[in-house]
Amino acid sequence: MANPMYGQNKADNSLDNLSSIFKVVKHVVTVDDTGIAAAADLVPDGIPANFTPIWCSVKNTNAAGGEALHATTSQLVVETSGDILCPDLNALAAGASVASLVELSGINTANKGAYTTAKDIEPVTGTLKAATSSVTLEIVILGIDATTSVHDSLNE
């Protein structure tokens, strides 16, 4: 990206470097009143390989006054990691959204960074379901793409 002001190309390179490291993943899913059981796949391979989620937003895209999530729904997690993408979806109203930093409990001495394989997004501690008919959810996740070398991009 070229910046027309003299001396600003270095700033442009820094922005380009950041955009190559940070990625946004978006999923749109619909759940009905039978729902997705805890620990079942809501979005198979929803977290790409070599990706570390940082922030997550979930929006009930139904029109205001429409269908809400059931009151037993609580969290979305990354399979087998313990990482909590979204801490509270309980009775998420139509048109409402919730966003939070990802709780990276899966990063420890044995697991120090990005997932090496794609991981599923799953509900936990309750079935993810609509209150009476169906709910469409938009899940947006901001994270770091480890396929991009930070050191190489800084040396450009």
N, C-alpha and C. Protein backbone atom coordinates (compact mmCIF):
# COMPACT_ATOMS: atom_id res chain seq x y z
N MET A 1 0.85 -1.16 0.00
CA MET A 1 0.00 0.00 0.00
C MET A 1 0.90 1.23 0.00
N ALA A 2 0.75 2.09 -0.95
CA ALA A 2 1.58 3.29 -1.05
C ALA A 2 0.87 4.45 -0.38
N ASN A 3 1.61 5.16 0.43
CA ASN A 3 1.08 6.32 1.11
C ASN A 3 1.64 7.55 0.40
N PRO A 4 0.79 8.49 -0.02
CA PRO A 4 1.26 9.63 -0.82
C PRO A 4 2.13 10.62 -0.04
N MET A 5 2.14 10.56 1.30
CA MET A 5 2.95 11.51 2.06
C MET A 5 4.40 11.05 2.12
N TYR A 6 5.32 11.98 1.95
CA TYR A 6 6.74 11.67 1.98
C TYR A 6 7.14 11.02 3.30
N GLY A 7 7.89 9.91 3.23
CA GLY A 7 8.41 9.26 4.42
C GLY A 7 7.45 8.32 5.12
N GLN A 8 6.28 8.11 4.55
CA GLN A 8 5.28 7.28 5.23
C GLN A 8 5.29 5.82 4.79
N ASN A 9 6.12 5.47 3.80
CA ASN A 9 6.12 4.09 3.33
C ASN A 9 6.53 3.11 4.41
N LYS A 10 7.40 3.53 5.34
CA LYS A 10 7.79 2.64 6.43
C LYS A 10 6.56 2.29 7.29
N ALA A 11 5.70 3.25 7.55
CA ALA A 11 4.47 3.00 8.31
C ALA A 11 3.56 2.06 7.53
N ASP A 12 3.49 2.24 6.21
CA ASP A 12 2.68 1.35 5.38
C ASP A 12 3.19 -0.08 5.48
N ASN A 13 4.50 -0.29 5.45
CA ASN A 13 5.07 -1.63 5.57
C ASN A 13 4.70 -2.25 6.91
N SER A 14 4.73 -1.46 7.97
CA SER A 14 4.36 -1.98 9.30
C SER A 14 2.90 -2.43 9.32
N LEU A 15 2.01 -1.65 8.70
CA LEU A 15 0.60 -2.04 8.64
C LEU A 15 0.42 -3.30 7.79
N ASP A 16 1.15 -3.40 6.70
CA ASP A 16 1.09 -4.60 5.87
C ASP A 16 1.56 -5.81 6.65
N ASN A 17 2.63 -5.64 7.44
CA ASN A 17 3.14 -6.75 8.25
C ASN A 17 2.09 -7.22 9.25
N LEU A 18 1.45 -6.27 9.92
CA LEU A 18 0.41 -6.63 10.88
C LEU A 18 -0.74 -7.36 10.21
N SER A 19 -1.15 -6.90 9.04
CA SER A 19 -2.28 -7.53 8.37
C SER A 19 -1.94 -8.94 7.90
N SER A 20 -0.65 -9.24 7.71
CA SER A 20 -0.28 -10.60 7.32
C SER A 20 -0.22 -11.54 8.52
N ILE A 21 -0.09 -11.00 9.71
CA ILE A 21 0.01 -11.82 10.93
C ILE A 21 -1.37 -12.06 11.55
N PHE A 22 -2.19 -11.02 11.63
CA PHE A 22 -3.52 -11.13 12.23
C PHE A 22 -4.54 -11.54 11.17
N LYS A 23 -5.38 -12.51 11.51
CA LYS A 23 -6.42 -13.00 10.60
C LYS A 23 -7.77 -13.02 11.31
N VAL A 24 -8.82 -12.92 10.53
CA VAL A 24 -10.18 -13.01 11.06
C VAL A 24 -10.85 -14.22 10.42
N VAL A 25 -11.46 -15.06 11.26
CA VAL A 25 -12.19 -16.23 10.80
C VAL A 25 -13.67 -15.99 11.12
N LYS A 26 -14.54 -16.24 10.15
CA LYS A 26 -15.97 -16.00 10.35
C LYS A 26 -16.75 -17.27 9.98
N HIS A 27 -17.71 -17.63 10.85
CA HIS A 27 -18.59 -18.77 10.60
C HIS A 27 -20.03 -18.33 10.85
N VAL A 28 -20.94 -18.80 10.01
CA VAL A 28 -22.37 -18.56 10.22
C VAL A 28 -23.03 -19.94 10.35
N VAL A 29 -23.68 -20.16 11.48
CA VAL A 29 -24.31 -21.45 11.75
C VAL A 29 -25.75 -21.23 12.22
N THR A 30 -26.60 -22.20 11.92
CA THR A 30 -27.98 -22.16 12.39
C THR A 30 -28.22 -23.36 13.28
N VAL A 31 -28.82 -23.10 14.43
CA VAL A 31 -29.19 -24.17 15.35
C VAL A 31 -30.70 -24.14 15.59
N ASP A 32 -31.27 -25.32 15.76
CA ASP A 32 -32.71 -25.40 16.01
C ASP A 32 -32.98 -25.69 17.48
N ASP A 33 -34.22 -26.03 17.80
CA ASP A 33 -34.58 -26.24 19.20
C ASP A 33 -34.15 -27.60 19.74
N THR A 34 -33.63 -28.51 18.88
CA THR A 34 -33.04 -29.75 19.39
C THR A 34 -31.57 -29.53 19.73
N GLY A 35 -30.93 -28.64 18.98
CA GLY A 35 -29.61 -28.15 19.33
C GLY A 35 -28.42 -29.04 19.04
N ILE A 36 -27.27 -28.56 19.51
CA ILE A 36 -25.98 -29.24 19.40
C ILE A 36 -25.56 -29.55 20.83
N ALA A 37 -25.40 -30.82 21.13
CA ALA A 37 -25.05 -31.23 22.50
C ALA A 37 -23.66 -30.75 22.88
N ALA A 38 -23.43 -30.61 24.17
CA ALA A 38 -22.11 -30.24 24.69
C ALA A 38 -21.09 -31.24 24.16
N ALA A 39 -19.93 -30.73 23.75
CA ALA A 39 -18.80 -31.49 23.21
C ALA A 39 -19.05 -32.05 21.81
N ALA A 40 -20.16 -31.71 21.17
CA ALA A 40 -20.40 -32.09 19.78
C ALA A 40 -19.92 -30.95 18.88
N ASP A 41 -19.65 -31.25 17.62
CA ASP A 41 -19.11 -30.25 16.70
C ASP A 41 -20.18 -29.25 16.27
N LEU A 42 -19.97 -27.99 16.59
CA LEU A 42 -20.81 -26.92 16.06
C LEU A 42 -20.24 -26.47 14.72
N VAL A 43 -18.92 -26.24 14.69
CA VAL A 43 -18.22 -25.87 13.46
C VAL A 43 -17.02 -26.80 13.33
N PRO A 44 -17.14 -27.87 12.53
CA PRO A 44 -15.99 -28.76 12.33
C PRO A 44 -14.82 -27.99 11.71
N ASP A 45 -13.63 -28.17 12.26
CA ASP A 45 -12.42 -27.48 11.79
C ASP A 45 -12.61 -25.96 11.76
N GLY A 46 -13.37 -25.43 12.72
CA GLY A 46 -13.65 -23.99 12.77
C GLY A 46 -12.45 -23.14 13.13
N ILE A 47 -11.46 -23.74 13.79
CA ILE A 47 -10.21 -23.05 14.10
C ILE A 47 -9.15 -23.64 13.18
N PRO A 48 -8.60 -22.86 12.25
CA PRO A 48 -7.64 -23.40 11.30
C PRO A 48 -6.34 -23.84 11.98
N ALA A 49 -5.63 -24.73 11.32
CA ALA A 49 -4.30 -25.12 11.80
C ALA A 49 -3.39 -23.90 11.81
N ASN A 50 -2.45 -23.87 12.72
CA ASN A 50 -1.47 -22.79 12.85
C ASN A 50 -2.11 -21.44 13.15
N PHE A 51 -3.16 -21.47 13.93
CA PHE A 51 -3.92 -20.26 14.26
C PHE A 51 -4.12 -20.23 15.77
N THR A 52 -3.89 -19.08 16.39
CA THR A 52 -4.14 -18.91 17.81
C THR A 52 -5.23 -17.86 17.98
N PRO A 53 -6.42 -18.24 18.47
CA PRO A 53 -7.50 -17.27 18.66
C PRO A 53 -7.20 -16.32 19.81
N ILE A 54 -7.58 -15.05 19.63
CA ILE A 54 -7.34 -14.03 20.66
C ILE A 54 -8.65 -13.43 21.16
N TRP A 55 -9.58 -13.18 20.25
CA TRP A 55 -10.83 -12.47 20.56
C TRP A 55 -11.96 -13.14 19.79
N CYS A 56 -13.13 -13.20 20.40
CA CYS A 56 -14.28 -13.83 19.74
C CYS A 56 -15.55 -13.02 19.99
N SER A 57 -16.36 -12.93 18.95
CA SER A 57 -17.67 -12.29 19.04
C SER A 57 -18.71 -13.25 18.47
N VAL A 58 -19.83 -13.37 19.16
CA VAL A 58 -20.94 -14.19 18.68
C VAL A 58 -22.17 -13.30 18.64
N LYS A 59 -22.84 -13.29 17.48
CA LYS A 59 -24.04 -12.47 17.32
C LYS A 59 -25.20 -13.35 16.91
N ASN A 60 -26.33 -13.14 17.55
CA ASN A 60 -27.59 -13.75 17.14
C ASN A 60 -28.12 -12.85 16.02
N THR A 61 -28.07 -13.33 14.77
CA THR A 61 -28.41 -12.47 13.63
C THR A 61 -29.91 -12.40 13.35
N ASN A 62 -30.71 -13.10 14.13
CA ASN A 62 -32.16 -12.97 13.96
C ASN A 62 -32.58 -11.53 14.25
N ALA A 63 -33.62 -11.08 13.59
CA ALA A 63 -34.11 -9.71 13.78
C ALA A 63 -34.54 -9.50 15.22
N ALA A 64 -34.36 -8.27 15.69
CA ALA A 64 -34.77 -7.92 17.05
C ALA A 64 -36.21 -8.34 17.28
N GLY A 65 -36.48 -8.92 18.44
CA GLY A 65 -37.81 -9.42 18.75
C GLY A 65 -38.02 -10.86 18.29
N GLY A 66 -37.02 -11.41 17.56
CA GLY A 66 -37.12 -12.78 17.06
C GLY A 66 -36.61 -13.79 18.07
N GLU A 67 -36.19 -14.92 17.56
CA GLU A 67 -35.79 -16.07 18.36
C GLU A 67 -34.50 -15.83 19.16
N ALA A 68 -34.50 -16.23 20.42
CA ALA A 68 -33.33 -16.16 21.28
C ALA A 68 -32.74 -17.56 21.48
N LEU A 69 -31.52 -17.61 21.99
CA LEU A 69 -30.95 -18.89 22.37
C LEU A 69 -31.64 -19.38 23.65
N HIS A 70 -31.63 -20.67 23.85
CA HIS A 70 -32.22 -21.27 25.05
C HIS A 70 -31.40 -20.88 26.27
N ALA A 71 -32.02 -20.86 27.41
CA ALA A 71 -31.36 -20.43 28.65
C ALA A 71 -30.30 -21.39 29.16
N THR A 72 -30.22 -22.62 28.62
CA THR A 72 -29.20 -23.56 29.09
C THR A 72 -27.87 -23.45 28.35
N THR A 73 -27.81 -22.64 27.33
CA THR A 73 -26.58 -22.47 26.55
C THR A 73 -25.59 -21.63 27.33
N SER A 74 -24.29 -22.05 27.33
CA SER A 74 -23.38 -21.19 28.09
C SER A 74 -22.09 -20.80 27.38
N GLN A 75 -21.30 -21.72 26.86
CA GLN A 75 -19.99 -21.34 26.32
C GLN A 75 -19.69 -22.04 25.00
N LEU A 76 -18.74 -21.43 24.24
CA LEU A 76 -18.15 -22.08 23.07
C LEU A 76 -16.68 -22.29 23.37
N VAL A 77 -16.17 -23.49 23.04
CA VAL A 77 -14.78 -23.82 23.32
C VAL A 77 -14.11 -24.40 22.08
N VAL A 78 -12.77 -24.47 22.13
CA VAL A 78 -11.99 -25.14 21.10
C VAL A 78 -11.79 -26.58 21.58
N GLU A 79 -12.16 -27.54 20.74
CA GLU A 79 -12.12 -28.96 21.14
C GLU A 79 -10.80 -29.35 21.81
N THR A 80 -10.90 -30.12 22.86
CA THR A 80 -9.81 -30.75 23.61
C THR A 80 -8.76 -29.81 24.20
N SER A 81 -8.91 -28.52 24.05
CA SER A 81 -7.87 -27.60 24.50
C SER A 81 -8.18 -26.95 25.84
N GLY A 82 -9.46 -26.81 26.14
CA GLY A 82 -9.85 -26.05 27.31
C GLY A 82 -9.93 -24.55 27.04
N ASP A 83 -9.61 -24.12 25.82
CA ASP A 83 -9.67 -22.70 25.47
C ASP A 83 -11.13 -22.28 25.30
N ILE A 84 -11.53 -21.23 26.01
CA ILE A 84 -12.91 -20.74 25.96
C ILE A 84 -12.97 -19.57 24.98
N LEU A 85 -13.71 -19.76 23.88
CA LEU A 85 -13.85 -18.71 22.88
C LEU A 85 -14.82 -17.64 23.34
N CYS A 86 -15.95 -18.06 23.86
CA CYS A 86 -16.99 -17.13 24.26
C CYS A 86 -17.58 -17.60 25.58
N PRO A 87 -17.48 -16.81 26.64
CA PRO A 87 -17.82 -17.29 27.96
C PRO A 87 -19.30 -17.36 28.31
N ASP A 88 -20.18 -16.64 27.61
CA ASP A 88 -21.57 -16.64 28.05
C ASP A 88 -22.53 -16.36 26.90
N LEU A 89 -23.21 -17.41 26.45
CA LEU A 89 -24.24 -17.26 25.41
C LEU A 89 -25.63 -17.50 25.95
N ASN A 90 -25.77 -17.63 27.24
CA ASN A 90 -27.03 -17.96 27.89
C ASN A 90 -28.14 -17.00 27.46
N ALA A 91 -29.16 -17.54 26.79
CA ALA A 91 -30.35 -16.79 26.36
C ALA A 91 -30.01 -15.56 25.51
N LEU A 92 -29.00 -15.66 24.66
CA LEU A 92 -28.61 -14.53 23.80
C LEU A 92 -29.80 -14.11 22.94
N ALA A 93 -30.23 -12.88 23.13
CA ALA A 93 -31.43 -12.37 22.47
C ALA A 93 -31.20 -12.12 20.98
N ALA A 94 -32.28 -12.11 20.23
CA ALA A 94 -32.22 -11.79 18.81
C ALA A 94 -31.61 -10.40 18.62
N GLY A 95 -30.67 -10.29 17.71
CA GLY A 95 -30.01 -9.02 17.45
C GLY A 95 -28.89 -8.68 18.41
N ALA A 96 -28.74 -9.44 19.47
CA ALA A 96 -27.71 -9.16 20.48
C ALA A 96 -26.40 -9.88 20.13
N SER A 97 -25.32 -9.38 20.71
CA SER A 97 -24.02 -10.03 20.52
C SER A 97 -23.25 -9.98 21.83
N VAL A 98 -22.27 -10.86 21.92
CA VAL A 98 -21.37 -10.89 23.06
C VAL A 98 -19.96 -11.08 22.52
N ALA A 99 -19.00 -10.38 23.12
CA ALA A 99 -17.61 -10.47 22.66
C ALA A 99 -16.69 -10.52 23.86
N SER A 100 -15.57 -11.22 23.70
CA SER A 100 -14.61 -11.30 24.79
C SER A 100 -13.25 -11.77 24.27
N LEU A 101 -12.25 -11.54 25.09
CA LEU A 101 -10.95 -12.13 24.82
C LEU A 101 -11.07 -13.63 25.03
N VAL A 102 -10.31 -14.40 24.27
CA VAL A 102 -10.32 -15.85 24.39
C VAL A 102 -9.52 -16.23 25.64
N GLU A 103 -10.08 -17.13 26.43
CA GLU A 103 -9.37 -17.64 27.60
C GLU A 103 -8.51 -18.81 27.16
N LEU A 104 -7.22 -18.57 27.04
CA LEU A 104 -6.30 -19.57 26.49
C LEU A 104 -5.76 -20.50 27.58
N SER A 105 -6.62 -21.29 28.14
CA SER A 105 -6.19 -22.21 29.19
C SER A 105 -5.41 -23.39 28.64
N GLY A 106 -5.46 -23.60 27.34
CA GLY A 106 -4.75 -24.73 26.74
C GLY A 106 -3.27 -24.47 26.52
N ILE A 107 -2.82 -23.21 26.66
CA ILE A 107 -1.40 -22.93 26.47
C ILE A 107 -0.68 -23.16 27.78
N ASN A 108 0.23 -24.11 27.80
CA ASN A 108 1.00 -24.47 28.99
C ASN A 108 2.35 -25.02 28.54
N THR A 109 3.08 -25.67 29.40
CA THR A 109 4.42 -26.15 29.01
C THR A 109 4.36 -27.20 27.92
N ALA A 110 3.24 -27.94 27.82
CA ALA A 110 3.12 -28.95 26.77
C ALA A 110 2.57 -28.38 25.47
N ASN A 111 1.82 -27.30 25.55
CA ASN A 111 1.18 -26.71 24.37
C ASN A 111 1.46 -25.23 24.40
N LYS A 112 2.44 -24.80 23.63
CA LYS A 112 2.94 -23.43 23.78
C LYS A 112 2.46 -22.44 22.73
N GLY A 113 1.55 -22.81 21.88
CA GLY A 113 1.16 -21.81 20.89
C GLY A 113 0.03 -22.25 20.01
N ALA A 114 0.20 -22.01 18.71
CA ALA A 114 -0.86 -22.27 17.74
C ALA A 114 -1.18 -23.75 17.66
N TYR A 115 -2.42 -24.05 17.32
CA TYR A 115 -2.82 -25.43 17.09
C TYR A 115 -2.15 -25.93 15.82
N THR A 116 -1.58 -27.12 15.86
CA THR A 116 -0.89 -27.65 14.69
C THR A 116 -1.86 -28.28 13.69
N THR A 117 -3.06 -28.61 14.15
CA THR A 117 -4.11 -29.14 13.26
C THR A 117 -5.37 -28.32 13.48
N ALA A 118 -6.26 -28.37 12.51
CA ALA A 118 -7.54 -27.66 12.64
C ALA A 118 -8.33 -28.24 13.81
N LYS A 119 -9.06 -27.39 14.52
CA LYS A 119 -9.85 -27.80 15.68
C LYS A 119 -11.31 -27.42 15.50
N ASP A 120 -12.18 -28.20 16.09
CA ASP A 120 -13.62 -27.94 16.04
C ASP A 120 -14.02 -26.91 17.09
N ILE A 121 -15.08 -26.17 16.80
CA ILE A 121 -15.70 -25.29 17.79
C ILE A 121 -16.90 -26.04 18.36
N GLU A 122 -16.96 -26.11 19.70
CA GLU A 122 -18.00 -26.91 20.36
C GLU A 122 -18.67 -26.12 21.49
N PRO A 123 -19.94 -26.41 21.75
CA PRO A 123 -20.56 -25.87 22.97
C PRO A 123 -20.11 -26.71 24.17
N VAL A 124 -20.17 -26.13 25.35
CA VAL A 124 -19.83 -26.86 26.57
C VAL A 124 -20.79 -26.42 27.67
N THR A 125 -20.93 -27.22 28.67
CA THR A 125 -21.83 -27.00 29.81
C THR A 125 -23.25 -26.64 29.38
N GLY A 126 -23.78 -27.39 28.44
CA GLY A 126 -25.15 -27.19 28.01
C GLY A 126 -25.29 -27.33 26.51
N THR A 127 -26.47 -27.69 26.07
CA THR A 127 -26.76 -27.83 24.65
C THR A 127 -26.95 -26.45 24.04
N LEU A 128 -26.32 -26.22 22.90
CA LEU A 128 -26.51 -24.95 22.17
C LEU A 128 -27.76 -25.12 21.33
N LYS A 129 -28.83 -24.41 21.69
CA LYS A 129 -30.08 -24.56 20.95
C LYS A 129 -30.92 -23.30 21.01
N ALA A 130 -31.86 -23.23 20.08
CA ALA A 130 -32.81 -22.13 20.04
C ALA A 130 -33.87 -22.34 21.11
N ALA A 131 -34.49 -21.26 21.55
CA ALA A 131 -35.54 -21.37 22.57
C ALA A 131 -36.74 -22.15 22.05
N THR A 132 -37.18 -21.87 20.81
CA THR A 132 -38.36 -22.59 20.29
C THR A 132 -38.23 -23.05 18.85
N SER A 133 -37.54 -22.33 17.97
CA SER A 133 -37.46 -22.76 16.57
C SER A 133 -36.02 -22.80 16.06
N SER A 134 -35.49 -21.68 15.54
CA SER A 134 -34.09 -21.68 15.07
C SER A 134 -33.45 -20.32 15.26
N VAL A 135 -32.13 -20.37 15.43
CA VAL A 135 -31.32 -19.16 15.61
C VAL A 135 -30.12 -19.26 14.69
N THR A 136 -29.80 -18.17 14.01
CA THR A 136 -28.60 -18.10 13.20
C THR A 136 -27.57 -17.28 13.96
N LEU A 137 -26.38 -17.87 14.12
CA LEU A 137 -25.29 -17.23 14.85
C LEU A 137 -24.15 -16.89 13.91
N GLU A 138 -23.60 -15.71 14.09
CA GLU A 138 -22.40 -15.31 13.37
C GLU A 138 -21.26 -15.32 14.38
N ILE A 139 -20.26 -16.16 14.13
CA ILE A 139 -19.10 -16.30 15.03
C ILE A 139 -17.90 -15.69 14.32
N VAL A 140 -17.30 -14.66 14.93
CA VAL A 140 -16.13 -13.99 14.36
C VAL A 140 -14.98 -14.13 15.34
N ILE A 141 -13.84 -14.63 14.84
CA ILE A 141 -12.68 -14.87 15.70
C ILE A 141 -11.46 -14.16 15.11
N LEU A 142 -10.83 -13.32 15.93
CA LEU A 142 -9.58 -12.66 15.55
C LEU A 142 -8.45 -13.47 16.16
N GLY A 143 -7.40 -13.69 15.38
CA GLY A 143 -6.28 -14.45 15.93
C GLY A 143 -4.99 -14.21 15.17
N ILE A 144 -3.96 -14.93 15.59
CA ILE A 144 -2.65 -14.83 14.98
C ILE A 144 -2.44 -16.03 14.06
N ASP A 145 -2.03 -15.76 12.83
CA ASP A 145 -1.75 -16.79 11.85
C ASP A 145 -0.28 -17.14 11.93
N ALA A 146 0.05 -18.31 12.48
CA ALA A 146 1.44 -18.71 12.68
C ALA A 146 2.11 -19.21 11.40
N THR A 147 1.37 -19.24 10.29
CA THR A 147 2.01 -19.63 9.03
C THR A 147 2.85 -18.48 8.47
N THR A 148 2.63 -17.28 8.98
CA THR A 148 3.39 -16.11 8.57
C THR A 148 4.54 -15.91 9.55
N SER A 149 5.74 -15.81 9.04
CA SER A 149 6.89 -15.57 9.90
C SER A 149 6.95 -14.10 10.29
N VAL A 150 6.86 -13.83 11.57
CA VAL A 150 6.94 -12.46 12.06
C VAL A 150 8.29 -11.86 11.71
N HIS A 151 9.35 -12.63 11.87
CA HIS A 151 10.69 -12.12 11.61
C HIS A 151 10.90 -11.79 10.13
N ASP A 152 10.40 -12.66 9.23
CA ASP A 152 10.54 -12.38 7.81
C ASP A 152 9.77 -11.13 7.40
N SER A 153 8.56 -10.98 7.95
CA SER A 153 7.74 -9.84 7.54
C SER A 153 8.32 -8.53 8.07
N LEU A 154 9.07 -8.56 9.18
CA LEU A 154 9.66 -7.34 9.70
C LEU A 154 10.92 -6.93 8.95
N ASN A 155 11.48 -7.85 8.21
CA ASN A 155 12.71 -7.57 7.47
C ASN A 155 12.45 -7.15 6.03
N GLU A 156 11.20 -6.99 5.66
CA GLU A 156 10.89 -6.59 4.28
C GLU A 156 11.16 -5.14 4.06
